[in-house]
Protein backbone atom coordinates (compact mmCIF):
# COMPACT_ATOMS: atom_id res chain seq x y z
CA MET A 1 176.37 95.92 72.30
CA SER A 2 179.92 96.46 73.55
CA ALA A 3 180.57 97.06 77.25
CA PRO A 4 180.91 100.49 78.87
CA ARG A 5 184.29 101.54 80.21
CA LEU A 6 184.57 102.47 83.89
CA VAL A 7 187.04 105.10 85.05
CA THR A 8 187.76 104.83 88.78
CA GLU A 9 188.38 108.22 90.37
CA THR A 10 189.49 109.56 93.72
CA LEU A 11 186.55 110.39 95.96
CA GLY A 12 187.61 114.01 96.40
CA GLY A 13 185.64 116.36 98.62
CA SER A 14 186.44 119.36 100.79
CA PRO A 15 189.87 119.85 102.39
CA LEU A 16 188.44 118.46 105.65
CA SER A 17 187.05 115.39 103.87
CA ARG A 18 190.31 114.70 102.06
CA ALA A 19 192.30 115.11 105.27
CA ALA A 20 190.03 112.63 107.07
CA GLN A 21 190.32 110.13 104.21
CA ASP A 22 194.12 110.42 104.35
CA GLY A 23 194.27 109.99 108.14
CA GLN A 24 195.48 113.56 108.61
CA VAL A 25 193.02 114.56 111.35
CA PRO A 26 193.06 113.64 115.07
CA ALA A 27 191.91 110.09 115.82
CA ASP A 28 189.21 111.36 118.19
CA TRP A 29 187.67 113.26 115.26
CA PHE A 30 187.65 110.37 112.81
CA PRO A 31 188.43 106.82 113.97
CA ALA A 32 191.15 105.13 111.94
CA ARG A 33 190.07 102.45 109.50
CA PRO A 34 191.22 98.92 110.44
CA SER A 35 193.96 97.54 108.20
CA GLY A 36 194.12 93.84 107.51
CA ALA A 37 191.91 90.90 108.38
CA ALA A 38 192.98 90.71 112.03
CA ALA A 39 192.14 94.36 112.69
CA TRP A 40 188.77 94.06 110.98
CA ARG A 41 188.03 90.89 112.95
CA ALA A 42 188.81 92.70 116.19
CA ARG A 43 186.46 95.54 115.26
CA ALA A 44 183.74 93.10 114.22
CA GLU A 45 184.02 91.23 117.52
CA SER A 46 183.68 94.47 119.49
CA VAL A 47 180.48 95.26 117.61
CA ARG A 48 179.09 91.75 118.05
CA GLN A 49 179.47 92.00 121.81
CA GLU A 50 176.98 94.88 121.87
CA PHE A 51 174.22 92.88 120.16
CA ALA A 52 172.72 89.65 121.38
CA GLY A 53 171.51 87.20 118.76
CA SER A 54 168.87 88.27 116.26
CA ARG A 55 166.79 90.57 118.45
CA TRP A 56 167.80 93.65 116.47
CA LEU A 57 166.44 92.09 113.29
CA ALA A 58 163.20 91.04 114.96
CA GLY A 59 162.49 94.63 115.86
CA LEU A 60 163.50 96.15 112.52
CA ARG A 61 162.15 93.46 110.18
CA PRO A 62 158.96 95.43 109.35
CA ALA A 63 161.05 98.48 108.37
CA LEU A 64 163.35 96.33 106.24
CA ASP A 65 160.62 94.12 104.77
CA PRO A 66 163.30 92.10 102.99
CA SER A 67 162.71 89.56 100.26
CA GLY A 68 164.74 87.16 98.15
CA PRO A 69 168.54 87.17 98.56
CA ALA A 70 168.42 90.21 100.86
CA ALA A 71 166.11 88.43 103.31
CA GLU A 72 168.16 85.24 103.21
CA ARG A 73 171.39 87.08 103.91
CA LEU A 74 169.95 89.13 106.77
CA GLU A 75 168.52 86.03 108.44
CA ARG A 76 171.81 84.17 108.11
CA VAL A 77 173.76 87.07 109.59
CA ALA A 78 171.35 87.67 112.46
CA GLU A 79 171.23 83.98 113.43
CA ALA A 80 175.03 83.87 113.59
CA ASN A 81 175.27 87.11 115.58
CA GLY A 82 176.94 88.70 112.57
CA ILE A 83 177.54 92.30 111.61
CA ILE A 84 176.26 94.89 109.14
CA VAL A 85 177.84 97.31 106.69
CA THR A 86 175.55 100.28 106.20
CA THR A 87 175.21 103.15 103.81
CA GLY A 88 172.32 105.40 102.89
CA GLN A 89 170.94 108.41 101.15
CA GLN A 90 167.96 110.75 101.23
CA PRO A 91 165.33 110.26 98.50
CA GLY A 92 165.94 111.52 94.99
CA LEU A 93 163.53 111.43 92.07
CA PHE A 94 163.57 108.06 90.28
CA GLY A 95 166.19 106.74 92.71
CA GLY A 96 168.45 109.78 92.59
CA PRO A 97 171.92 110.14 91.07
CA LEU A 98 174.44 107.44 90.23
CA TYR A 99 176.29 107.75 93.55
CA THR A 100 173.25 106.27 95.34
CA LEU A 101 173.82 103.02 93.45
CA LEU A 102 177.59 103.26 93.94
CA LYS A 103 177.14 103.57 97.70
CA ALA A 104 174.90 100.51 97.80
CA LEU A 105 177.27 98.39 95.70
CA SER A 106 180.25 99.61 97.76
CA ALA A 107 178.48 98.45 100.94
CA LEU A 108 177.76 95.08 99.33
CA ALA A 109 181.36 94.64 98.25
CA LEU A 110 182.71 95.62 101.66
CA ALA A 111 180.34 93.22 103.44
CA ASP A 112 181.44 90.42 101.10
CA ARG A 113 185.10 91.17 101.69
CA ILE A 114 184.84 91.46 105.47
CA GLU A 115 182.96 88.17 105.66
CA ARG A 116 185.52 86.44 103.46
CA GLU A 117 188.54 87.80 105.34
CA THR A 118 187.24 87.45 108.90
CA GLY A 119 184.86 84.49 108.67
CA ILE A 120 182.18 86.56 110.45
CA PRO A 121 178.83 86.72 108.61
CA CYS A 122 178.17 90.22 107.29
CA ALA A 123 175.32 91.82 105.33
CA PRO A 124 174.80 95.21 103.66
CA VAL A 125 171.90 97.50 104.59
CA PHE A 126 170.90 100.68 102.74
CA TRP A 127 169.36 103.32 105.03
CA ALA A 128 166.70 105.11 102.97
CA ALA A 129 166.34 108.47 104.74
CA THR A 130 162.61 108.89 104.17
CA ASP A 131 162.50 110.99 107.35
CA ASP A 132 164.31 113.77 105.48
CA GLY A 133 162.38 117.00 104.87
CA ASP A 134 164.47 118.47 102.02
CA PHE A 135 161.99 118.41 99.15
CA ALA A 136 164.20 120.60 96.95
CA GLU A 137 166.79 117.83 96.90
CA ALA A 138 164.27 115.00 96.53
CA ALA A 139 162.27 116.61 93.72
CA TRP A 140 164.68 116.28 90.80
CA THR A 141 167.03 114.11 88.83
CA ALA A 142 168.96 114.57 85.60
CA VAL A 143 169.54 112.59 82.40
CA ALA A 144 171.92 113.17 79.50
CA GLY A 145 170.64 113.79 75.98
CA GLU A 146 172.10 114.74 72.63
CA GLY A 147 174.13 117.82 73.39
CA GLN A 148 172.50 118.71 76.70
CA VAL A 149 171.47 117.72 80.21
CA HIS A 150 167.75 117.45 80.99
CA ARG A 151 166.62 118.16 84.54
CA LEU A 152 163.45 116.32 85.50
CA SER A 153 161.58 117.74 88.48
CA ILE A 154 158.23 117.49 90.21
CA PRO A 155 156.18 120.19 91.98
CA ARG A 156 155.60 120.22 95.72
CA ARG A 157 152.25 118.72 96.69
CA GLY A 158 152.59 118.87 100.45
CA PRO A 159 153.54 121.35 103.18
CA ASP A 160 157.03 122.76 103.50
CA GLY A 161 159.09 120.67 105.95
CA ALA A 162 157.03 117.51 105.52
CA VAL A 163 159.04 114.31 105.67
CA MET A 164 159.44 112.60 102.30
CA ALA A 165 157.67 109.50 103.62
CA GLU A 166 154.49 111.62 103.81
CA MET A 167 155.06 114.01 100.89
CA PRO A 168 152.55 113.17 98.10
CA LEU A 169 154.26 112.25 94.84
CA GLY A 170 151.51 112.96 92.30
CA ASP A 171 151.62 112.13 88.62
CA THR A 172 155.17 111.71 87.28
CA GLY A 173 154.15 110.44 83.85
CA GLU A 174 155.70 113.32 81.93
CA GLN A 175 159.01 113.07 83.82
CA PHE A 176 159.04 109.29 83.37
CA GLU A 177 158.60 109.65 79.60
CA GLN A 178 161.55 112.05 79.49
CA LEU A 179 163.66 109.49 81.29
CA VAL A 180 162.52 106.75 78.91
CA ALA A 181 163.41 108.97 75.95
CA ALA A 182 166.90 109.44 77.40
CA ALA A 183 167.27 105.65 77.64
CA GLY A 184 166.69 105.35 73.88
CA SER A 185 165.99 101.94 72.40
CA ALA A 186 166.85 100.22 75.67
CA PRO A 187 166.94 96.40 75.43
CA HIS A 188 166.72 95.91 79.21
CA GLY A 189 163.28 97.32 79.95
CA ALA A 190 162.66 95.53 83.26
CA ILE A 191 164.24 98.34 85.25
CA LEU A 192 161.94 100.87 83.54
CA ASP A 193 158.95 98.70 84.43
CA ALA A 194 160.09 98.56 88.07
CA LEU A 195 160.53 102.33 88.12
CA LYS A 196 157.07 102.94 86.69
CA ALA A 197 155.49 100.57 89.21
CA ALA A 198 157.19 102.33 92.13
CA TYR A 199 156.43 105.90 91.04
CA HIS A 200 152.66 105.76 90.75
CA PRO A 201 150.42 108.79 91.44
CA ASP A 202 149.15 107.53 94.81
CA ALA A 203 152.64 107.01 96.25
CA THR A 204 154.69 109.34 98.43
CA VAL A 205 158.12 110.65 97.48
CA GLY A 206 159.76 108.49 100.14
CA GLY A 207 157.59 105.43 99.56
CA SER A 208 158.30 105.32 95.83
CA TYR A 209 162.02 105.71 96.52
CA VAL A 210 162.05 102.76 98.93
CA ARG A 211 160.00 100.54 96.62
CA PHE A 212 162.24 101.19 93.62
CA LEU A 213 165.47 100.71 95.56
CA ARG A 214 164.22 97.40 96.90
CA SER A 215 163.42 96.18 93.40
CA LEU A 216 166.91 97.21 92.28
CA LEU A 217 169.03 96.18 95.27
CA GLU A 218 167.37 93.21 96.99
CA PRO A 219 168.21 90.73 94.18
CA HIS A 220 171.87 91.47 94.93
CA GLY A 221 171.46 90.83 98.66
CA ILE A 222 171.19 94.45 99.77
CA ALA A 223 168.35 95.17 102.21
CA VAL A 224 166.71 98.61 102.29
CA LEU A 225 165.58 100.10 105.61
CA ASP A 226 162.78 102.68 105.65
CA ALA A 227 163.90 105.31 108.17
CA TRP A 228 160.39 106.69 108.80
CA HIS A 229 158.77 103.31 109.38
CA PRO A 230 157.29 103.03 112.89
CA ALA A 231 159.61 100.10 113.63
CA THR A 232 162.68 102.24 112.89
CA ARG A 233 161.33 105.13 114.94
CA ALA A 234 160.61 102.80 117.88
CA ALA A 235 164.11 101.34 117.79
CA ALA A 236 165.68 104.80 117.56
CA ARG A 237 163.58 106.41 120.27
CA PRO A 238 165.73 105.54 123.34
CA THR A 239 168.80 107.15 121.73
CA LEU A 240 166.80 110.20 120.66
CA VAL A 241 165.36 110.63 124.15
CA GLU A 242 168.85 110.37 125.62
CA ALA A 243 170.05 113.01 123.13
CA LEU A 244 167.28 115.30 124.37
CA ARG A 245 168.13 114.73 128.00
CA ARG A 246 171.76 115.56 127.31
CA ALA A 247 171.02 118.24 124.72
CA ALA A 248 173.08 120.93 126.43
CA SER A 249 176.11 118.66 126.83
CA VAL A 250 175.85 117.51 123.23
CA ASP A 251 175.64 121.10 122.02
CA GLU A 252 178.69 122.08 124.06
CA ALA A 253 180.71 119.12 122.75
CA LEU A 254 179.73 119.96 119.20
CA ALA A 255 180.65 123.62 119.65
CA LEU A 256 184.09 122.69 121.01
CA ARG A 257 184.72 120.29 118.13
CA MET A 258 183.78 122.93 115.57
CA VAL A 259 186.21 125.39 117.18
CA ALA A 260 188.93 122.74 116.98
CA ILE A 261 188.15 122.07 113.31
CA GLU A 262 188.32 125.78 112.50
CA ARG A 263 191.58 126.24 114.42
CA ALA A 264 193.06 123.41 112.38
CA GLY A 265 192.32 125.43 109.24
CA PHE A 266 189.19 123.58 108.07
CA ARG A 267 185.56 124.51 107.68
CA PRO A 268 182.99 122.30 109.49
CA GLN A 269 180.68 120.52 107.09
CA VAL A 270 177.49 121.09 109.12
CA ALA A 271 176.71 124.41 110.75
CA ARG A 272 175.72 124.49 114.42
CA VAL A 273 172.41 126.19 115.18
CA PRO A 274 172.65 127.74 118.67
CA ARG A 275 169.93 126.89 121.17
CA LEU A 276 168.57 124.01 119.06
CA SER A 277 169.05 120.32 119.84
CA LEU A 278 169.94 117.64 117.28
CA VAL A 279 166.46 116.08 117.51
CA PHE A 280 163.41 116.83 115.40
CA ARG A 281 159.80 116.36 116.38
CA ALA A 282 157.08 115.87 113.81
CA LEU A 283 153.72 117.62 114.03
CA ALA A 284 151.28 116.45 111.36
CA GLY A 285 154.23 115.09 109.40
CA VAL A 286 156.13 118.40 109.44
CA LYS A 287 159.53 118.39 111.17
CA GLU A 288 160.91 121.06 113.47
CA ARG A 289 164.09 121.15 115.56
CA ILE A 290 163.46 120.96 119.28
CA PRO A 291 164.92 123.89 121.26
CA ILE A 292 167.39 122.88 123.95
CA ALA A 293 165.26 124.75 126.49
CA GLN A 294 162.33 122.41 125.71
CA ALA A 295 164.38 119.22 125.25
CA SER A 296 163.81 117.75 128.70
CA GLU A 297 160.07 118.38 128.53
CA VAL A 298 159.73 116.75 125.09
CA ALA A 299 161.86 113.80 126.19
CA HIS A 300 159.23 112.89 128.81
CA ARG A 301 156.35 112.97 126.34
CA ALA A 302 155.57 109.48 125.09
CA ASP A 303 153.42 110.79 122.22
CA SER A 304 156.17 112.84 120.53
CA ILE A 305 157.37 111.57 117.14
CA LEU A 306 161.13 112.03 117.08
CA SER A 307 163.87 111.80 114.47
CA ALA A 308 167.57 112.66 114.27
CA ASN A 309 169.35 115.39 112.39
CA VAL A 310 172.27 114.58 110.13
CA LEU A 311 174.87 114.60 112.93
CA LEU A 312 172.85 112.37 115.23
CA ARG A 313 171.60 109.87 112.64
CA PRO A 314 174.89 107.87 112.38
CA VAL A 315 174.92 107.53 116.17
CA VAL A 316 171.32 106.26 116.15
CA GLU A 317 172.15 103.82 113.38
CA ARG A 318 175.14 102.54 115.34
CA ARG A 319 172.84 101.85 118.31
CA ILE A 320 170.09 99.95 116.47
CA LEU A 321 172.19 97.97 113.97
CA PRO A 322 175.40 95.98 114.56
CA THR A 323 177.20 98.30 112.16
CA VAL A 324 180.87 97.57 111.64
CA ALA A 325 181.31 100.42 109.13
CA TYR A 326 179.31 103.04 107.24
CA VAL A 327 180.17 103.55 103.55
CA ALA A 328 180.25 107.32 103.07
CA GLY A 329 180.50 109.95 100.39
CA PRO A 330 182.87 112.93 100.64
CA GLY A 331 180.40 115.22 102.43
CA GLU A 332 179.51 112.52 104.95
CA ILE A 333 183.16 111.83 105.70
CA ALA A 334 183.59 115.53 106.45
CA TYR A 335 180.67 115.68 108.89
CA PHE A 336 181.67 112.42 110.58
CA THR A 337 184.45 114.51 112.16
CA GLN A 338 181.60 116.24 114.02
CA VAL A 339 179.55 113.06 114.59
CA SER A 340 182.29 111.63 116.81
CA ALA A 341 181.87 114.57 119.22
CA VAL A 342 178.13 113.85 119.45
CA ALA A 343 178.79 110.17 120.11
CA ASP A 344 181.33 110.97 122.83
CA ALA A 345 178.87 113.28 124.56
CA LEU A 346 176.30 110.47 124.62
CA GLY A 347 178.80 107.87 125.81
CA ILE A 348 178.47 105.87 122.59
CA ALA A 349 181.32 104.42 120.55
CA PRO A 350 181.81 106.66 117.51
CA PRO A 351 180.73 105.09 114.21
CA LEU A 352 183.37 104.23 111.63
CA ALA A 353 183.05 105.76 108.15
CA VAL A 354 184.90 104.46 105.11
CA PRO A 355 184.94 106.04 101.62
CA ARG A 356 182.68 104.69 98.91
CA TRP A 357 183.91 103.80 95.46
CA SER A 358 183.84 106.56 92.83
CA THR A 359 183.65 106.00 89.09
CA THR A 360 182.55 107.51 85.79
CA ILE A 361 180.75 105.32 83.26
CA VAL A 362 181.92 105.91 79.69
CA GLU A 363 179.45 104.27 77.34
CA PRO A 364 180.69 103.06 73.92
CA SER A 365 178.93 105.79 71.94
CA ILE A 366 180.50 108.44 74.20
CA ASP A 367 183.88 106.77 73.94
CA ARG A 368 183.71 106.97 70.15
CA ARG A 369 182.95 110.69 70.33
CA LEU A 370 185.85 111.20 72.72
CA GLY A 371 188.06 109.46 70.20
CA ARG A 372 186.87 111.71 67.38
CA LEU A 373 187.66 114.72 69.56
CA GLY A 374 191.07 113.36 70.48
CA MET A 375 190.30 113.78 74.20
CA VAL A 376 190.12 111.85 77.45
CA LEU A 377 187.90 112.35 80.49
CA ASP A 378 190.34 114.65 82.28
CA ASP A 379 190.24 117.08 79.33
CA LEU A 380 186.64 117.92 80.28
CA LYS A 381 187.47 118.86 83.86
CA VAL A 382 189.32 122.10 83.13
CA PRO A 383 186.75 124.85 82.42
CA HIS A 384 186.70 125.92 78.74
CA GLU A 385 189.85 123.90 77.89
CA ALA A 386 188.00 121.33 75.77
CA GLU A 387 186.15 124.08 73.90
CA ARG A 388 189.45 125.84 73.24
CA ARG A 389 190.92 122.66 71.78
CA VAL A 390 187.92 122.18 69.49
CA GLY A 391 188.35 125.75 68.29
CA ASP A 392 192.08 125.25 67.76
CA ARG A 393 191.50 122.14 65.67
CA ALA A 394 188.80 123.88 63.62
CA MET A 395 190.86 127.03 63.00
CA PRO A 396 192.64 126.98 59.61
CA ALA A 397 196.41 126.57 59.84
CA ALA A 398 196.96 129.80 57.92
CA VAL A 399 195.03 131.76 60.55
CA ARG A 400 197.04 130.20 63.40
CA ASP A 401 200.29 130.95 61.58
CA ALA A 402 199.22 134.55 60.98
CA LEU A 403 198.38 135.04 64.67
CA ASP A 404 201.70 133.52 65.74
CA GLY A 405 203.50 135.79 63.27
CA LEU A 406 201.60 138.82 64.57
CA ARG A 407 202.64 138.06 68.15
CA HIS A 408 206.25 137.51 67.11
CA ASP A 409 206.41 140.75 65.10
CA LEU A 410 204.81 142.77 67.89
CA ALA A 411 207.22 141.43 70.45
CA SER A 412 210.22 142.04 68.23
CA ARG A 413 209.27 145.60 67.30
CA LEU A 414 208.36 146.50 70.88
CA ASP A 415 211.74 145.18 72.04
CA THR A 416 213.40 147.40 69.43
CA LEU A 417 211.29 150.36 70.48
CA GLY A 418 212.21 149.81 74.09
CA SER A 419 215.92 149.90 73.34
CA VAL A 420 215.59 153.00 71.14
CA VAL A 421 213.79 155.06 73.79
CA GLN A 422 216.11 154.15 76.65
CA GLY A 423 217.88 157.45 76.19
CA LEU A 424 214.57 159.24 76.64
CA ASP A 425 213.67 157.48 79.87
CA HIS A 426 213.19 160.80 81.64
CA LEU A 427 210.35 161.48 79.15
CA ILE A 428 209.10 157.94 78.39
CA PRO A 429 209.51 155.51 81.32
CA ASP A 430 209.91 151.78 80.58
CA ARG A 431 206.48 151.09 81.98
CA VAL A 432 204.91 153.03 79.11
CA VAL A 433 206.37 150.65 76.55
CA GLU A 434 205.53 147.63 78.70
CA GLY A 435 201.97 148.91 79.15
CA ALA A 436 201.62 149.22 75.40
CA ARG A 437 202.96 145.68 74.99
CA HIS A 438 200.38 144.32 77.41
CA GLN A 439 197.49 146.15 75.72
CA MET A 440 198.47 145.09 72.20
CA LEU A 441 198.98 141.44 73.09
CA HIS A 442 195.71 141.46 75.02
CA ARG A 443 193.91 142.65 71.89
CA VAL A 444 195.58 139.91 69.86
CA ASP A 445 194.34 137.36 72.46
CA ARG A 446 190.82 138.74 72.12
CA LEU A 447 191.07 138.52 68.35
CA GLU A 448 192.21 134.91 68.62
CA ARG A 449 189.29 134.00 70.87
CA ARG A 450 186.84 135.50 68.39
CA LEU A 451 188.46 133.69 65.47
CA ARG A 452 188.45 130.42 67.44
CA ALA A 453 184.78 130.83 68.30
CA ALA A 454 183.95 131.54 64.67
CA SER A 455 185.89 128.46 63.57
CA ARG A 456 184.24 126.34 66.26
CA SER A 457 180.77 127.40 65.16
CA ARG A 458 181.55 126.04 61.70
CA ALA A 459 182.77 122.71 63.12
CA THR A 460 179.23 121.60 63.92
CA GLU A 461 179.98 117.90 64.30
CA ALA A 462 182.83 118.48 66.76
CA VAL A 463 180.77 121.01 68.71
CA MET A 464 177.86 118.54 69.04
CA ASP A 465 180.23 115.73 69.98
CA LEU A 466 181.74 117.85 72.73
CA ALA A 467 178.35 118.98 74.06
CA THR A 468 177.09 115.39 74.13
CA VAL A 469 180.26 114.08 75.76
CA ARG A 470 180.17 116.83 78.38
CA ALA A 471 176.49 116.14 79.16
CA ALA A 472 177.27 112.44 79.67
CA LEU A 473 180.53 112.70 81.60
CA MET A 474 180.65 116.14 83.27
CA PRO A 475 177.00 117.27 83.37
CA GLU A 476 176.61 120.86 84.57
CA ASN A 477 180.38 120.82 85.15
CA GLN A 478 179.94 118.25 87.93
CA ARG A 479 181.00 114.63 88.17
CA GLN A 480 178.65 112.28 86.38
CA GLU A 481 177.91 110.36 89.59
CA ARG A 482 176.68 113.52 91.33
CA ARG A 483 174.18 114.52 88.64
CA LEU A 484 173.02 111.77 86.29
CA ASN A 485 170.39 109.17 87.05
CA PRO A 486 171.77 105.68 86.32
CA VAL A 487 168.48 104.15 85.12
CA PRO A 488 168.92 105.02 81.41
CA MET A 489 172.41 103.47 81.46
CA LEU A 490 171.14 100.36 83.25
CA ALA A 491 168.29 100.09 80.74
CA ARG A 492 170.81 100.17 77.89
CA HIS A 493 173.37 97.76 79.37
CA GLY A 494 171.51 95.71 81.99
CA ASP A 495 173.33 93.06 83.99
CA LEU A 496 176.56 93.63 82.08
CA LEU A 497 176.92 97.12 83.55
CA LEU A 498 175.84 95.96 87.00
CA ALA A 499 178.48 93.21 86.89
CA GLN A 500 181.13 95.77 85.94
CA LEU A 501 180.06 98.09 88.78
CA LYS A 502 180.11 95.25 91.29
CA ALA A 503 183.60 94.23 90.13
CA GLY A 504 184.90 97.79 90.50
CA ALA A 505 183.36 98.10 93.96
CA ALA A 506 184.92 94.76 94.94
CA MET A 507 188.39 96.00 94.00
CA HIS A 508 187.80 99.11 96.10
CA ALA A 509 186.66 96.97 99.04
CA GLY A 510 189.89 95.03 98.78
CA THR A 511 191.87 98.22 99.39
CA LEU A 512 189.65 99.11 102.37
CA VAL A 513 190.09 95.76 104.09
CA GLY A 514 193.59 94.89 102.98
CA GLY A 515 195.10 98.26 103.74
């Protein structure tokens, strides 16, 4: 089987995210990325000074539960008072979309590059946000089929607001079979076996996610941290208690930052909820935000189970891991402009976010269909443009010529009419003729669209090619990495595809470290 083709793309995102990526926001919103080995070494040394030896790993080892290359790398880094590159994501069905894997491989590549350039041991850690309560996001994934996208989803089997670590998974046999069908005659079935073992009926949504990611990432040296594990919660608790004690100050700092973001012409990524702190408490596994009025009281209760919201989590992570950088997606980069205000209010150094690598995987069968259509990936990104081109190619030349002739004749005769009636302008203003021109040409455009659609419906092979290509590369008019599950592609191409992805991520890491 020939190799897939990878198309590296800009990360994109909201105007705020793009401005932060380009260094076009104030430095106190979004710390500047180090440029060059010396600058990265200086940042790494500042992080190392905050952590003594391997004590952080001793406390978090049960939540990481590393094995194989991931365990060996973590131990080596901790013993040498090294540093960590982190990334993470909330659970998604069957491991979630492709960008989950891209974030993990980007963190691995950045850790490798920093270690090579600075000489300071560095390891990647993936933060699996099993403390998240967004079941709607965790309950689905998508795969591409012949001519369409298939959404696979599971029903809720636990209370609304329950953390994914405690949300029952149930039987996913039907959804798994749909994913297997999308993989086709996959020669690399080990990943399907690992997925089936992780997503068994007695598992939780978060537990199955962690187990599968470990089977996928640990052989490459990437450890996976379970955010809801008691060891993680214990390590995070001092920062969460401090956030409760300073809840009013944190809220004020966040409000001021959001005003500054809006005055600069941007929209904040995360909305502020007045009178609520950034800390959740869990009651019977169900999360609720703690009101600022109750924050001090809850902070003094030793039995409260606490967790961070999205703006506080990077600050917590920075306190419990020697994190030199967090590898972020476009939405995360946008909200890190708010995270820095939270960190400042707590007297903590703001975490550094760097953009992950972005790519689209073009498999050989899809590439062949693109070739038959005479298109490239960018042709799919303009709404309806690819369909118009298929219709144009399918429309007989005589029909196109007749339409062009009709437009030319109309324009010519209307020009003549306009000149003839100039002497009657007190009875027939110019706008009457121009209005008629607009209406007639509009009707010709409508006629052309109908003729193109009729021609396209007869070009069945081209129509199916386009539908299949769109499902694989721009599913639901979104980037492939934001919708499609990578497991079918990994089952088809195995280590070859993983090696390509790691190479692409390594090139991206070179730009992050080298400047």
